[in-house]
Protein backbone atom coordinates (compact mmCIF):
# COMPACT_ATOMS: atom_id res chain seq x y z
CA MET A 1 110.74 36.51 26.68
CA ARG A 2 112.67 33.94 28.65
CA ILE A 3 115.63 32.12 27.11
CA LYS A 4 116.72 28.61 28.07
CA ILE A 5 120.02 27.15 26.90
CA CYS A 6 119.62 23.39 27.10
CA GLY A 7 121.86 20.34 26.85
CA ILE A 8 124.55 21.98 28.98
CA THR A 9 127.22 19.47 30.03
CA THR A 10 129.81 21.62 31.82
CA ALA A 11 129.77 24.33 34.48
CA ARG A 12 131.92 26.46 32.15
CA ASP A 13 129.29 26.44 29.39
CA ALA A 14 126.56 27.11 31.97
CA LEU A 15 128.41 30.13 33.34
CA ILE A 16 129.08 31.50 29.84
CA ALA A 17 125.40 31.15 28.90
CA GLU A 18 124.36 32.80 32.15
CA GLU A 19 126.81 35.67 31.65
CA LEU A 20 125.51 36.18 28.09
CA GLY A 21 121.97 36.58 29.44
CA ALA A 22 120.31 33.16 29.54
CA ASP A 23 117.41 33.02 32.00
CA ALA A 24 117.47 29.25 32.38
CA ILE A 25 119.97 26.40 32.03
CA GLY A 26 118.83 22.91 31.08
CA VAL A 27 120.86 19.84 31.99
CA VAL A 28 119.86 16.42 30.62
CA VAL A 29 119.93 13.54 33.13
CA CYS A 30 118.76 9.93 33.24
CA SER A 31 118.57 9.70 29.46
CA ASP A 32 120.41 8.06 26.57
CA SER A 33 120.89 11.48 24.94
CA PRO A 34 124.49 12.33 23.94
CA ARG A 35 124.05 15.38 26.20
CA SER A 36 123.05 13.38 29.29
CA VAL A 37 125.27 13.83 32.35
CA PRO A 38 125.32 12.07 35.73
CA VAL A 39 122.98 13.61 38.30
CA LYS A 40 126.03 14.50 40.42
CA ARG A 41 127.43 16.64 37.58
CA ALA A 42 124.03 18.31 37.08
CA LYS A 43 124.12 19.28 40.74
CA GLU A 44 127.63 20.74 40.31
CA ILE A 45 126.56 22.72 37.23
CA PHE A 46 123.54 24.15 39.06
CA ALA A 47 125.66 25.02 42.12
CA ALA A 48 127.88 27.22 39.93
CA LEU A 49 124.94 29.39 38.81
CA ARG A 50 123.39 32.46 40.37
CA PRO A 51 120.19 31.91 42.40
CA SER A 52 118.21 33.95 39.85
CA THR A 53 119.05 31.59 36.96
CA MET A 54 116.42 28.87 36.55
CA LYS A 55 117.89 25.38 36.84
CA VAL A 56 116.07 22.73 34.82
CA CYS A 57 116.67 18.97 34.87
CA VAL A 58 115.60 17.50 31.53
CA THR A 59 114.74 13.80 31.37
CA ASP A 60 112.84 11.19 29.40
CA THR A 61 112.90 8.66 32.23
CA CYS A 62 109.84 6.62 33.15
CA SER A 63 111.52 5.38 36.33
CA GLU A 64 110.21 6.60 39.69
CA SER A 65 113.59 5.87 41.29
CA ASP A 66 115.32 8.11 38.69
CA LEU A 67 112.76 10.81 39.39
CA GLU A 68 113.44 10.54 43.12
CA VAL A 69 117.18 11.03 42.53
CA ILE A 70 116.48 14.04 40.31
CA THR A 71 114.15 15.69 42.84
CA HIS A 72 116.81 15.33 45.55
CA ILE A 73 119.12 17.80 43.80
CA ARG A 74 116.30 20.38 43.99
CA PRO A 75 116.22 21.88 40.50
CA ASP A 76 113.80 24.75 39.98
CA ALA A 77 111.98 22.66 37.37
CA ILE A 78 111.92 19.20 35.83
CA GLN A 79 111.30 19.01 32.08
CA LEU A 80 109.62 15.69 31.34
CA HIS A 81 109.54 13.95 27.97
CA SER A 82 107.52 11.05 29.41
CA GLY A 83 104.17 10.76 31.16
CA ILE A 84 105.66 10.17 34.62
CA ALA A 85 104.05 12.21 37.41
CA VAL A 86 105.98 14.45 39.79
CA PRO A 87 104.54 14.45 43.32
CA GLU A 88 103.19 17.91 44.23
CA ARG A 89 104.89 17.73 47.62
CA CYS A 90 108.27 18.10 45.84
CA GLY A 91 107.59 21.79 45.25
CA ILE A 92 109.37 21.63 41.87
CA LYS A 93 107.84 23.15 38.75
CA VAL A 94 106.94 20.71 35.98
CA ILE A 95 107.56 21.43 32.31
CA ARG A 96 105.68 18.93 30.11
CA ALA A 97 107.09 18.35 26.65
CA VAL A 98 104.64 17.77 23.80
CA ARG A 99 105.31 16.69 20.24
CA PRO A 100 103.19 17.82 17.29
CA GLY A 101 99.74 16.23 17.50
CA GLU A 102 100.00 15.39 21.22
CA ALA A 103 98.13 16.92 24.12
CA PRO A 104 100.09 17.74 27.29
CA VAL A 105 99.98 15.09 30.01
CA PRO A 106 98.09 16.62 32.96
CA GLY A 107 100.08 18.08 35.83
CA PHE A 108 102.31 20.91 34.59
CA ASN A 109 103.29 24.51 35.21
CA MET A 110 104.65 25.08 31.70
CA VAL A 111 104.49 23.30 28.35
CA LEU A 112 107.46 22.78 26.04
CA VAL A 113 106.57 22.29 22.37
CA ASP A 114 109.35 20.09 20.99
CA GLY A 115 109.35 17.37 18.38
CA SER A 116 113.12 17.49 18.11
CA LEU A 117 114.61 16.23 21.40
CA GLY A 118 117.92 17.95 20.67
CA LYS A 119 118.21 16.65 17.11
CA GLY A 120 117.61 20.02 15.44
CA THR A 121 114.31 18.99 13.82
CA PRO A 122 112.38 22.19 13.02
CA TYR A 123 109.38 23.08 15.15
CA ASP A 124 105.84 22.90 13.73
CA SER A 125 104.68 26.54 13.84
CA ASP A 126 100.96 25.78 13.41
CA PHE A 127 100.96 23.24 16.23
CA ALA A 128 103.08 25.47 18.48
CA ALA A 129 100.77 28.47 17.93
CA LYS A 130 97.74 26.25 18.71
CA ILE A 131 99.32 25.16 22.02
CA VAL A 132 100.05 28.82 22.88
CA ARG A 133 96.38 29.71 22.20
CA GLU A 134 94.79 26.74 23.97
CA THR A 135 96.99 25.70 26.89
CA GLY A 136 96.46 28.53 29.34
CA ALA A 137 99.98 28.07 30.71
CA PRO A 138 103.35 29.50 29.66
CA VAL A 139 104.63 27.81 26.50
CA ILE A 140 108.29 27.25 25.69
CA LEU A 141 109.16 26.79 22.02
CA ALA A 142 111.95 24.38 21.06
CA GLY A 143 112.94 22.36 18.04
CA GLY A 144 115.48 23.37 15.45
CA LEU A 145 115.88 26.90 16.76
CA THR A 146 119.06 28.75 15.76
CA PRO A 147 120.28 32.33 15.82
CA ASP A 148 119.09 32.53 12.20
CA ASN A 149 115.45 31.52 12.72
CA VAL A 150 114.58 32.45 16.31
CA VAL A 151 113.28 35.93 15.43
CA GLU A 152 110.75 34.52 12.95
CA ALA A 153 109.81 31.77 15.44
CA ILE A 154 109.04 34.31 18.16
CA ARG A 155 107.02 36.50 15.79
CA THR A 156 105.05 33.54 14.41
CA VAL A 157 104.34 31.57 17.59
CA SER A 158 104.47 34.20 20.41
CA PRO A 159 105.83 31.78 23.05
CA SER A 160 106.60 32.78 26.64
CA ALA A 161 110.11 31.38 26.22
CA VAL A 162 112.46 29.80 23.70
CA ASP A 163 114.75 26.84 24.25
CA VAL A 164 117.85 26.01 22.20
CA SER A 165 120.34 23.16 22.35
CA SER A 166 121.90 21.86 19.12
CA GLY A 167 121.37 25.21 17.36
CA VAL A 168 124.15 26.83 19.43
CA GLU A 169 126.64 23.94 19.60
CA LYS A 170 130.08 23.11 18.27
CA SER A 171 129.32 19.43 18.93
CA PRO A 172 126.68 17.61 21.02
CA GLY A 173 126.81 19.07 24.52
CA ILE A 174 129.55 21.63 23.75
CA LYS A 175 128.20 25.13 23.25
CA ASP A 176 129.64 27.76 20.91
CA PRO A 177 129.75 31.03 22.91
CA LYS A 178 129.45 33.13 19.73
CA ARG A 179 126.28 31.32 18.67
CA VAL A 180 124.85 31.50 22.20
CA ALA A 181 125.52 35.26 22.27
CA GLU A 182 123.96 35.72 18.83
CA PHE A 183 120.88 33.69 19.77
CA ILE A 184 120.31 35.68 22.97
CA ARG A 185 120.92 39.00 21.21
CA HIS A 186 118.36 38.20 18.50
CA CYS A 187 115.79 37.20 21.14
CA ARG A 188 116.28 40.46 23.06
CA GLU A 189 116.09 42.55 19.89
CA VAL A 190 112.80 41.03 18.74
CA GLU A 191 111.41 41.24 22.28
CA ALA A 192 112.07 44.99 22.29
CA CYS A 193 110.02 45.34 19.08
CA LEU A 194 106.97 43.38 20.28
């Protein structure tokens, strides 16, 4: 079970999440999200992390020039909430976000099931489980996850990874270390029982 802490806006929060056991850090760029940061800051956040921590740029851009800027900072993966294509020559993994009722846009290494976009809207367990069964690629579950419901989400959906943003925050983009620690602990405990 991989754990991604998303919507990180500071190197400090990234380092705390990493120290607490997060496998991946998501930074929102080129978006009107309240958690969006300049690409330069995303690069600084990623530079502070260990090589083993997955660095994910999250974007809803449809602009090829934005995508070019993002690929230049060399994240491990780009999480796309639009249908834009990432050239294979970039060598960057692609995470395609899907909302309930949608099919993934072709061209991905992983699928993120998320109808929330950082707003805390609960995931659709039936749709998420269907994507896990039918996609044939690793599936990341997001959408309204919190320390209180992540155990049930993992048991119900059986995703390869979970992704949390607003469910571990004090305010948009500012993480609560206690909630991050609790979320990660619950994930590891349920993982040990599976």
